[in-house]
Amino acid sequence: MKEYTIKEISEMFHMPSSTIRYYEGVGILTNVARNKNGQRIYTEDHVNRLKTICCFKDTGMSIAELQAFFTYEANEAIHIVDILDLLNHREILVLEQMEQLAKAQAQVLRKIHYYQDIQTAMTKHRPLPKWDNYRNKTYPTR
């Protein structure tokens, strides 16, 4: 089984070693062995756990929710309802985030078109466009 140092894990996940140690400290990255020099040894199981942590953190899941999830997962037969409740709630929150991001993207696209049109008007010595003409327009995404 492949083993990794904390430096390798840190580089693999683009996160500081202190974050990895923090995850150990709060109990969401578990069973980390140490070599004879006391250095941490990580395995593929840790890599997979960190992938899950990063994924869930990207959705906005808190450390407390991660702790609950991994506690439930350790005995999933008893906690299947808890796991599904937590994940279904998270999905709803992710969908809300996606809606907010879609609105933000629409505003960015309006601004891009507005400023591109200003640039064109300036180079062609035409009157500058007015923002009011762009406020409610929709543009296809790239």
Protein backbone atom coordinates (compact mmCIF):
# COMPACT_ATOMS: atom_id res chain seq x y z
CA MET A 1 0.00 0.00 0.00
CA LYS A 2 1.34 3.42 -0.99
CA GLU A 3 2.27 5.73 1.86
CA TYR A 4 2.50 9.52 1.82
CA THR A 5 4.16 12.15 3.95
CA ILE A 6 2.29 15.18 5.21
CA LYS A 7 4.21 17.26 2.65
CA GLU A 8 3.01 15.02 -0.19
CA ILE A 9 -0.57 15.17 1.07
CA SER A 10 -0.31 18.92 1.49
CA GLU A 11 0.87 19.30 -2.12
CA MET A 12 -1.68 16.80 -3.43
CA PHE A 13 -4.59 18.74 -1.89
CA HIS A 14 -3.12 22.24 -2.14
CA MET A 15 -3.61 22.84 1.55
CA PRO A 16 -1.26 23.71 4.36
CA SER A 17 0.03 20.96 6.63
CA SER A 18 -1.59 22.79 9.54
CA THR A 19 -5.02 22.18 7.99
CA ILE A 20 -4.30 18.47 7.68
CA ARG A 21 -3.17 18.36 11.31
CA TYR A 22 -6.30 20.32 12.26
CA TYR A 23 -8.49 17.75 10.52
CA GLU A 24 -6.76 15.08 12.58
CA GLY A 25 -7.25 17.09 15.74
CA VAL A 26 -11.00 17.48 15.22
CA GLY A 27 -11.36 13.80 14.40
CA ILE A 28 -12.34 13.88 10.73
CA LEU A 29 -9.01 12.49 9.50
CA THR A 30 -8.43 9.43 11.62
CA ASN A 31 -6.06 6.53 12.16
CA VAL A 32 -2.93 8.36 11.07
CA ALA A 33 0.06 6.21 11.94
CA ARG A 34 3.56 7.49 12.59
CA ASN A 35 6.91 6.12 11.52
CA LYS A 36 9.80 5.45 13.90
CA ASN A 37 10.79 9.13 13.72
CA GLY A 38 7.29 10.23 14.72
CA GLN A 39 6.38 11.52 11.27
CA ARG A 40 2.83 11.02 10.09
CA ILE A 41 2.15 8.29 7.52
CA TYR A 42 -0.86 8.66 5.24
CA THR A 43 -2.41 5.95 3.04
CA GLU A 44 -4.88 5.78 0.18
CA ASP A 45 -7.64 5.61 2.79
CA HIS A 46 -6.56 9.04 4.03
CA VAL A 47 -6.40 10.35 0.47
CA ASN A 48 -9.96 9.14 -0.12
CA ARG A 49 -11.13 10.64 3.16
CA LEU A 50 -9.52 13.97 2.27
CA LYS A 51 -11.22 13.91 -1.14
CA THR A 52 -14.55 13.58 0.67
CA ILE A 53 -13.64 16.31 3.16
CA CYS A 54 -12.61 18.69 0.37
CA CYS A 55 -15.74 17.93 -1.64
CA PHE A 56 -18.03 18.53 1.31
CA LYS A 57 -16.10 21.65 2.39
CA ASP A 58 -16.54 22.99 -1.15
CA THR A 59 -20.29 22.71 -0.64
CA GLY A 60 -20.06 24.75 2.56
CA MET A 61 -20.27 21.89 5.02
CA SER A 62 -19.00 22.88 8.45
CA ILE A 63 -16.50 20.97 10.57
CA ALA A 64 -19.34 20.04 12.94
CA GLU A 65 -21.34 18.59 10.02
CA LEU A 66 -18.27 16.70 8.79
CA GLN A 67 -17.76 15.30 12.28
CA ALA A 68 -21.39 14.21 12.39
CA PHE A 69 -21.21 12.68 8.92
CA PHE A 70 -18.12 10.62 9.68
CA THR A 71 -19.56 9.56 13.04
CA TYR A 72 -22.71 8.40 11.26
CA GLU A 73 -20.72 6.74 8.51
CA ALA A 74 -18.76 4.70 11.05
CA ASN A 75 -22.01 2.92 11.90
CA GLU A 76 -24.11 3.58 8.83
CA ALA A 77 -26.67 0.84 9.46
CA ILE A 78 -27.82 2.59 12.63
CA HIS A 79 -27.44 6.12 11.22
CA ILE A 80 -28.70 5.71 7.65
CA VAL A 81 -31.57 8.16 8.25
CA ASP A 82 -29.15 10.69 9.77
CA ILE A 83 -26.77 10.34 6.83
CA LEU A 84 -29.54 10.82 4.30
CA ASP A 85 -30.99 13.79 6.20
CA LEU A 86 -27.58 15.48 6.35
CA LEU A 87 -26.83 14.85 2.67
CA ASN A 88 -30.32 15.81 1.45
CA HIS A 89 -30.09 19.06 3.41
CA ARG A 90 -26.65 19.71 1.92
CA GLU A 91 -27.98 19.10 -1.60
CA ILE A 92 -30.69 21.72 -1.04
CA LEU A 93 -28.06 24.20 0.11
CA VAL A 94 -25.86 23.41 -2.91
CA LEU A 95 -28.82 24.01 -5.25
CA GLU A 96 -29.40 27.37 -3.57
CA GLN A 97 -25.71 28.22 -4.01
CA MET A 98 -25.94 27.28 -7.68
CA GLU A 99 -28.95 29.56 -8.14
CA GLN A 100 -27.05 32.44 -6.51
CA LEU A 101 -24.01 31.76 -8.70
CA ALA A 102 -26.20 31.70 -11.82
CA LYS A 103 -27.59 35.13 -10.86
CA ALA A 104 -24.08 36.43 -10.26
CA GLN A 105 -22.91 35.04 -13.60
CA ALA A 106 -25.82 36.76 -15.36
CA GLN A 107 -24.80 40.07 -13.79
CA VAL A 108 -21.17 39.56 -14.80
CA LEU A 109 -22.27 38.81 -18.38
CA ARG A 110 -24.38 41.98 -18.47
CA LYS A 111 -21.37 43.99 -17.28
CA ILE A 112 -19.09 42.35 -19.85
CA HIS A 113 -21.47 43.25 -22.67
CA TYR A 114 -21.96 46.76 -21.32
CA TYR A 115 -18.23 47.47 -21.09
CA GLN A 116 -17.49 45.81 -24.43
CA ASP A 117 -20.12 48.08 -25.97
CA ILE A 118 -18.54 51.10 -24.28
CA GLN A 119 -15.18 50.09 -25.73
CA THR A 120 -16.69 49.69 -29.21
CA ALA A 121 -18.51 53.02 -28.96
CA MET A 122 -15.31 54.77 -27.92
CA THR A 123 -13.27 53.32 -30.80
CA LYS A 124 -16.00 54.17 -33.31
CA HIS A 125 -16.67 57.63 -31.80
CA ARG A 126 -20.31 56.81 -31.08
CA PRO A 127 -22.42 57.75 -28.06
CA LEU A 128 -21.75 55.62 -25.02
CA PRO A 129 -24.41 53.08 -24.06
CA LYS A 130 -26.52 53.54 -20.92
CA TRP A 131 -26.48 50.88 -18.20
CA ASP A 132 -30.29 50.98 -17.95
CA ASN A 133 -30.43 49.26 -21.35
CA TYR A 134 -28.53 46.25 -19.94
CA ARG A 135 -30.15 45.80 -16.51
CA ASN A 136 -32.69 43.15 -17.46
CA LYS A 137 -31.05 41.62 -20.51
CA THR A 138 -29.94 38.03 -20.55
CA TYR A 139 -26.97 36.75 -22.48
CA PRO A 140 -26.00 33.18 -23.32
CA THR A 141 -23.28 31.73 -21.17
CA ARG A 142 -19.94 31.08 -22.73
